Amino acid sequence: MKRLLFLLLLAAIGFSACKEEPVPIPDFSSGERRVLIEELTGIQCAVCPKGTRELLRLQDIFGKDSLIIVSIHAASGFTSPISNPPSQNNFTTAQALELGTLLGSADGFPAAAINRKQVDPGSPSLMVTPFTSWAGIIGAEFQKSYGLDLLLENHYEPATRQLDMKITLGANNALPGENRLTILITQDSIVDPQKDGTEIVPAYIHRHVMRGIVTATAGDPIPEALNKGTVVEKNYSFTLPADWVAEHCSVVAYVHHGPVPDREVLQAIEKHVVE
């Protein structure tokens, strides 16, 4: 009898150990349309703060989680440091200039790319528009079907300043052609001089400053075919420089077309490095 009970106990343990656990499936049901703004700015650009204030106003209207802003210090002719009072930061990095070049030249500033929508089909490399047209374009972009959703998980280790990022893509529709993933880091609430109108503001609060790009500037190609129902996971790691305030940093990830026929942004997401 004891032997029978022992065998039954072993069988129960074996059955429990071999029991198949359900595989968690990412929940994209709470997804929503998000619009990416890539603003071209510069600390010597006297009218650029006007554009920044307009974007913050629009963000209050459309929602901070829905309207994602990246400020790129690449406004041609307006990026040199301020001498009095002296600039403490250099926001115009090689990556910022490279990203600014990718978006195309602007006729004037403030200027921004909205989901990298082409300004003129005859000039596919030009994606930046003046701030007077932003509200209308943004509103139209929120009405479009995006066909894709993103999940973003960040894990930051303060001791090593290593940031691990997991991006999960879920295709709601088939998305043929070349698709790419761009990931970058922004930092908010940086206090440094800025020209604003006719004066220099010594303690200007710089918002959504693009600090670094984790992927290639033009985005990393996504080799997987994004068919309807496809789920793709990507993992990246990045070490935050010592002078970046992690508590004010965010990860911005977006999926977009490759260079042909356009660079349209399909979906974007933003998460704080430290929640």
Protein backbone atom coordinates (compact mmCIF):
# COMPACT_ATOMS: atom_id res chain seq x y z
CA MET A 1 0.00 0.00 0.00
CA LYS A 2 2.82 2.37 0.96
CA ARG A 3 4.58 1.56 -2.33
CA LEU A 4 1.40 2.36 -4.29
CA LEU A 5 1.02 5.69 -2.49
CA PHE A 6 4.69 6.49 -3.22
CA LEU A 7 4.24 5.73 -6.96
CA LEU A 8 1.11 7.86 -7.10
CA LEU A 9 3.00 10.71 -5.41
CA LEU A 10 5.84 10.43 -7.95
CA ALA A 11 3.35 10.46 -10.81
CA ALA A 12 1.66 13.55 -9.41
CA ILE A 13 5.01 15.35 -9.08
CA GLY A 14 5.99 14.34 -12.63
CA PHE A 15 2.68 15.55 -14.01
CA SER A 16 3.06 18.88 -12.18
CA ALA A 17 6.63 19.35 -13.42
CA CYS A 18 5.66 18.64 -17.02
CA LYS A 19 2.53 20.74 -17.01
CA GLU A 20 2.66 23.19 -19.88
CA GLU A 21 2.54 26.82 -18.72
CA PRO A 22 0.75 29.34 -20.93
CA VAL A 23 3.05 31.65 -22.91
CA PRO A 24 2.28 35.30 -22.13
CA ILE A 25 1.13 37.25 -25.20
CA PRO A 26 1.64 41.01 -25.25
CA ASP A 27 -1.62 42.92 -24.82
CA PHE A 28 -1.94 45.53 -27.54
CA SER A 29 -5.64 46.12 -26.90
CA SER A 30 -4.90 49.37 -25.03
CA GLY A 31 -2.89 50.77 -27.93
CA GLU A 32 -3.61 54.18 -29.33
CA ARG A 33 -2.39 56.45 -32.07
CA ARG A 34 0.71 58.43 -31.10
CA VAL A 35 2.27 61.19 -33.19
CA LEU A 36 5.98 62.01 -33.28
CA ILE A 37 7.27 65.58 -33.53
CA GLU A 38 10.94 66.06 -34.43
CA GLU A 39 11.58 69.75 -33.74
CA LEU A 40 14.61 71.52 -35.19
CA THR A 41 15.92 74.11 -32.76
CA GLY A 42 19.04 75.89 -31.53
CA ILE A 43 20.09 77.95 -28.51
CA GLN A 44 20.85 80.97 -30.72
CA CYS A 45 17.48 80.72 -32.51
CA ALA A 46 15.51 83.69 -31.16
CA VAL A 47 12.14 82.47 -32.46
CA CYS A 48 12.55 78.75 -31.66
CA PRO A 49 11.18 79.11 -28.09
CA LYS A 50 7.96 80.31 -29.70
CA GLY A 51 7.75 76.98 -31.51
CA THR A 52 8.50 75.06 -28.33
CA ARG A 53 5.69 76.85 -26.50
CA GLU A 54 3.35 75.99 -29.36
CA LEU A 55 4.26 72.31 -29.13
CA LEU A 56 3.68 72.29 -25.37
CA ARG A 57 0.28 73.90 -25.97
CA LEU A 58 -0.58 71.23 -28.53
CA GLN A 59 0.65 68.53 -26.17
CA ASP A 60 -1.82 69.79 -23.54
CA ILE A 61 -4.58 69.45 -26.14
CA PHE A 62 -3.70 66.04 -27.59
CA GLY A 63 -2.12 64.50 -24.48
CA LYS A 64 1.47 64.16 -23.29
CA ASP A 65 1.48 60.41 -23.92
CA SER A 66 0.01 60.82 -27.40
CA LEU A 67 2.07 63.72 -28.79
CA ILE A 68 5.75 62.80 -28.46
CA ILE A 69 8.25 65.65 -28.83
CA VAL A 70 11.95 65.37 -29.66
CA SER A 71 13.92 68.64 -29.81
CA ILE A 72 16.94 68.33 -32.09
CA HIS A 73 19.53 71.10 -31.81
CA ALA A 74 20.33 71.24 -35.49
CA ALA A 75 18.78 74.53 -36.67
CA SER A 76 21.32 75.61 -39.25
CA GLY A 77 23.15 78.80 -38.24
CA PHE A 78 21.74 78.90 -34.71
CA THR A 79 23.58 76.20 -32.78
CA SER A 80 26.79 77.89 -31.58
CA PRO A 81 27.19 78.21 -27.77
CA ILE A 82 26.18 81.36 -25.94
CA SER A 83 29.12 83.19 -24.39
CA ASN A 84 27.42 85.50 -21.89
CA PRO A 85 26.23 83.87 -19.73
CA PRO A 86 28.18 80.87 -20.99
CA SER A 87 26.39 77.72 -22.15
CA GLN A 88 27.09 74.74 -19.90
CA ASN A 89 25.86 72.11 -22.36
CA ASN A 90 26.47 71.31 -26.00
CA PHE A 91 23.23 69.94 -27.39
CA THR A 92 24.43 70.10 -31.00
CA THR A 93 26.16 66.74 -31.28
CA ALA A 94 27.25 64.93 -34.43
CA GLN A 95 24.17 62.70 -34.10
CA ALA A 96 21.87 65.73 -33.80
CA LEU A 97 23.32 67.25 -36.97
CA GLU A 98 23.06 63.93 -38.78
CA LEU A 99 19.40 63.53 -37.78
CA GLY A 100 18.69 67.14 -38.77
CA THR A 101 20.20 66.51 -42.20
CA LEU A 102 18.09 63.37 -42.61
CA LEU A 103 14.90 65.39 -41.99
CA GLY A 104 15.80 67.95 -44.65
CA SER A 105 16.53 71.67 -44.68
CA ALA A 106 14.00 74.21 -43.45
CA ASP A 107 13.09 77.51 -45.08
CA GLY A 108 12.97 79.10 -41.63
CA PHE A 109 12.43 78.39 -37.95
CA PRO A 110 10.56 77.26 -35.90
CA ALA A 111 10.29 74.08 -37.98
CA ALA A 112 9.48 70.44 -37.27
CA ALA A 113 8.79 67.11 -38.92
CA ILE A 114 5.44 65.57 -38.00
CA ASN A 115 5.54 61.80 -38.34
CA ARG A 116 8.04 62.59 -41.13
CA LYS A 117 5.13 63.44 -43.39
CA GLN A 118 6.41 64.61 -46.77
CA VAL A 119 5.93 68.33 -47.32
CA ASP A 120 6.03 67.96 -51.10
CA PRO A 121 5.71 64.59 -52.90
CA GLY A 122 8.14 65.94 -55.46
CA SER A 123 10.75 66.45 -52.71
CA PRO A 124 10.66 63.23 -50.65
CA SER A 125 13.70 64.26 -48.59
CA LEU A 126 11.93 67.33 -47.16
CA MET A 127 9.83 66.59 -44.08
CA VAL A 128 9.96 69.76 -41.97
CA THR A 129 7.16 72.34 -41.86
CA PRO A 130 6.75 75.81 -40.25
CA PHE A 131 4.98 76.04 -36.91
CA THR A 132 1.89 77.77 -38.37
CA SER A 133 0.89 74.47 -40.02
CA TRP A 134 1.63 72.13 -37.12
CA ALA A 135 -1.82 72.00 -35.48
CA GLY A 136 -3.63 71.03 -38.68
CA ILE A 137 -1.12 68.34 -39.68
CA ILE A 138 -1.06 66.88 -36.17
CA GLY A 139 -4.85 66.71 -36.05
CA ALA A 140 -4.94 64.91 -39.40
CA GLU A 141 -2.27 62.43 -38.28
CA PHE A 142 -4.33 61.43 -35.26
CA GLN A 143 -7.17 60.45 -37.61
CA LYS A 144 -5.04 58.05 -39.66
CA SER A 145 -4.92 54.29 -39.16
CA TYR A 146 -1.51 53.34 -37.89
CA GLY A 147 -1.54 49.56 -38.37
CA LEU A 148 1.04 48.94 -35.64
CA ASP A 149 1.46 49.22 -31.92
CA LEU A 150 4.50 49.27 -29.67
CA LEU A 151 5.29 48.27 -26.13
CA LEU A 152 8.42 49.57 -24.39
CA GLU A 153 10.01 48.30 -21.18
CA ASN A 154 13.02 50.00 -19.59
CA HIS A 155 15.30 48.66 -16.88
CA TYR A 156 17.87 51.09 -15.49
CA GLU A 157 20.71 50.15 -13.12
CA PRO A 158 21.90 53.31 -11.28
CA ALA A 159 25.19 51.80 -10.13
CA THR A 160 26.40 51.09 -13.67
CA ARG A 161 24.07 53.57 -15.45
CA GLN A 162 23.19 50.77 -17.87
CA LEU A 163 19.80 51.05 -19.50
CA ASP A 164 18.23 47.91 -20.98
CA MET A 165 15.30 48.40 -23.35
CA LYS A 166 12.82 45.87 -24.73
CA ILE A 167 10.63 46.99 -27.62
CA THR A 168 7.76 44.77 -28.75
CA LEU A 169 6.12 45.42 -32.11
CA GLY A 170 2.61 44.17 -32.86
CA ALA A 171 1.35 44.50 -36.43
CA ASN A 172 -2.40 45.06 -36.70
CA ASN A 173 -2.20 45.15 -40.49
CA ALA A 174 0.27 43.88 -43.08
CA LEU A 175 3.08 46.45 -43.41
CA PRO A 176 5.01 45.62 -46.58
CA GLY A 177 8.23 47.22 -47.70
CA GLU A 178 11.24 48.21 -45.65
CA ASN A 179 10.49 49.13 -42.06
CA ARG A 180 13.00 50.46 -39.55
CA LEU A 181 13.23 51.04 -35.80
CA THR A 182 14.80 54.17 -34.33
CA ILE A 183 15.50 54.52 -30.61
CA LEU A 184 16.84 57.66 -29.00
CA ILE A 185 17.22 59.25 -25.58
CA THR A 186 15.81 62.66 -24.66
CA GLN A 187 16.38 64.71 -21.52
CA ASP A 188 13.91 67.23 -20.13
CA SER A 189 14.20 70.23 -17.81
CA ILE A 190 17.80 71.17 -18.59
CA VAL A 191 18.53 74.69 -17.33
CA ASP A 192 20.90 76.57 -19.63
CA PRO A 193 20.97 79.88 -21.56
CA GLN A 194 18.74 80.36 -24.60
CA LYS A 195 18.07 83.29 -26.88
CA ASP A 196 14.37 84.13 -26.72
CA GLY A 197 13.29 87.07 -28.82
CA THR A 198 15.59 90.03 -28.20
CA GLU A 199 17.02 88.73 -24.93
CA ILE A 200 19.09 85.84 -23.64
CA VAL A 201 17.38 83.94 -20.83
CA PRO A 202 20.13 82.65 -18.46
CA ALA A 203 17.97 79.97 -16.82
CA TYR A 204 15.87 78.84 -19.74
CA ILE A 205 14.33 75.37 -19.29
CA HIS A 206 15.17 73.23 -22.33
CA ARG A 207 12.56 70.58 -23.04
CA HIS A 208 12.74 67.14 -24.71
CA VAL A 209 16.37 67.59 -25.80
CA MET A 210 17.67 64.79 -28.03
CA ARG A 211 20.79 63.56 -26.20
CA GLY A 212 21.77 60.42 -28.05
CA ILE A 213 20.64 57.84 -30.61
CA VAL A 214 20.81 54.17 -29.63
CA THR A 215 20.20 52.73 -33.11
CA ALA A 216 21.62 53.95 -36.38
CA THR A 217 20.53 57.53 -37.03
CA ALA A 218 18.47 56.41 -40.03
CA GLY A 219 17.03 53.53 -37.99
CA ASP A 220 17.87 49.83 -37.79
CA PRO A 221 16.19 47.73 -40.51
CA ILE A 222 13.56 45.27 -39.23
CA PRO A 223 14.28 42.06 -41.16
CA GLU A 224 11.10 40.30 -40.04
CA ALA A 225 8.09 40.56 -42.32
CA LEU A 226 5.41 42.58 -40.50
CA ASN A 227 2.34 40.60 -41.46
CA LYS A 228 -1.01 41.00 -39.73
CA GLY A 229 -0.71 39.51 -36.25
CA THR A 230 3.10 39.42 -36.26
CA VAL A 231 4.80 40.14 -32.92
CA VAL A 232 8.51 41.05 -32.94
CA GLU A 233 10.73 41.74 -29.95
CA LYS A 234 13.91 43.84 -30.02
CA ASN A 235 16.41 44.35 -27.18
CA TYR A 236 18.97 47.12 -26.79
CA SER A 237 21.38 48.32 -24.10
CA PHE A 238 22.87 51.77 -23.60
CA THR A 239 25.05 53.37 -20.92
CA LEU A 240 23.94 56.83 -19.88
CA PRO A 241 26.79 59.37 -19.70
CA ALA A 242 27.53 60.69 -16.21
CA ASP A 243 26.25 64.21 -16.95
CA TRP A 244 22.79 63.07 -18.05
CA VAL A 245 20.18 63.17 -15.28
CA ALA A 246 18.54 59.76 -15.53
CA GLU A 247 15.40 60.91 -13.70
CA HIS A 248 14.77 63.45 -16.47
CA CYS A 249 15.58 61.13 -19.37
CA SER A 250 13.15 59.25 -21.58
CA VAL A 251 13.41 56.60 -24.26
CA VAL A 252 11.64 57.37 -27.52
CA ALA A 253 11.17 54.49 -29.97
CA TYR A 254 9.47 54.67 -33.35
CA VAL A 255 8.91 52.43 -36.35
CA HIS A 256 9.06 54.07 -39.76
CA HIS A 257 9.53 53.28 -43.42
CA GLY A 258 12.98 53.09 -44.91
CA PRO A 259 14.11 55.72 -47.42
CA VAL A 260 11.97 54.37 -50.27
CA PRO A 261 9.36 55.61 -50.95
CA ASP A 262 9.33 57.74 -47.78
CA ARG A 263 10.34 57.77 -44.11
CA GLU A 264 6.82 57.97 -42.67
CA VAL A 265 6.55 57.17 -38.95
CA LEU A 266 3.99 54.42 -38.38
CA GLN A 267 3.94 54.47 -34.58
CA ALA A 268 5.97 55.86 -31.69
CA ILE A 269 6.20 55.39 -27.94
CA GLU A 270 7.94 57.16 -25.07
CA LYS A 271 8.80 55.94 -21.56
CA HIS A 272 10.78 57.50 -18.72
CA VAL A 273 14.10 55.86 -17.92
CA VAL A 274 13.20 56.00 -14.23
CA GLU A 275 9.48 55.55 -13.56
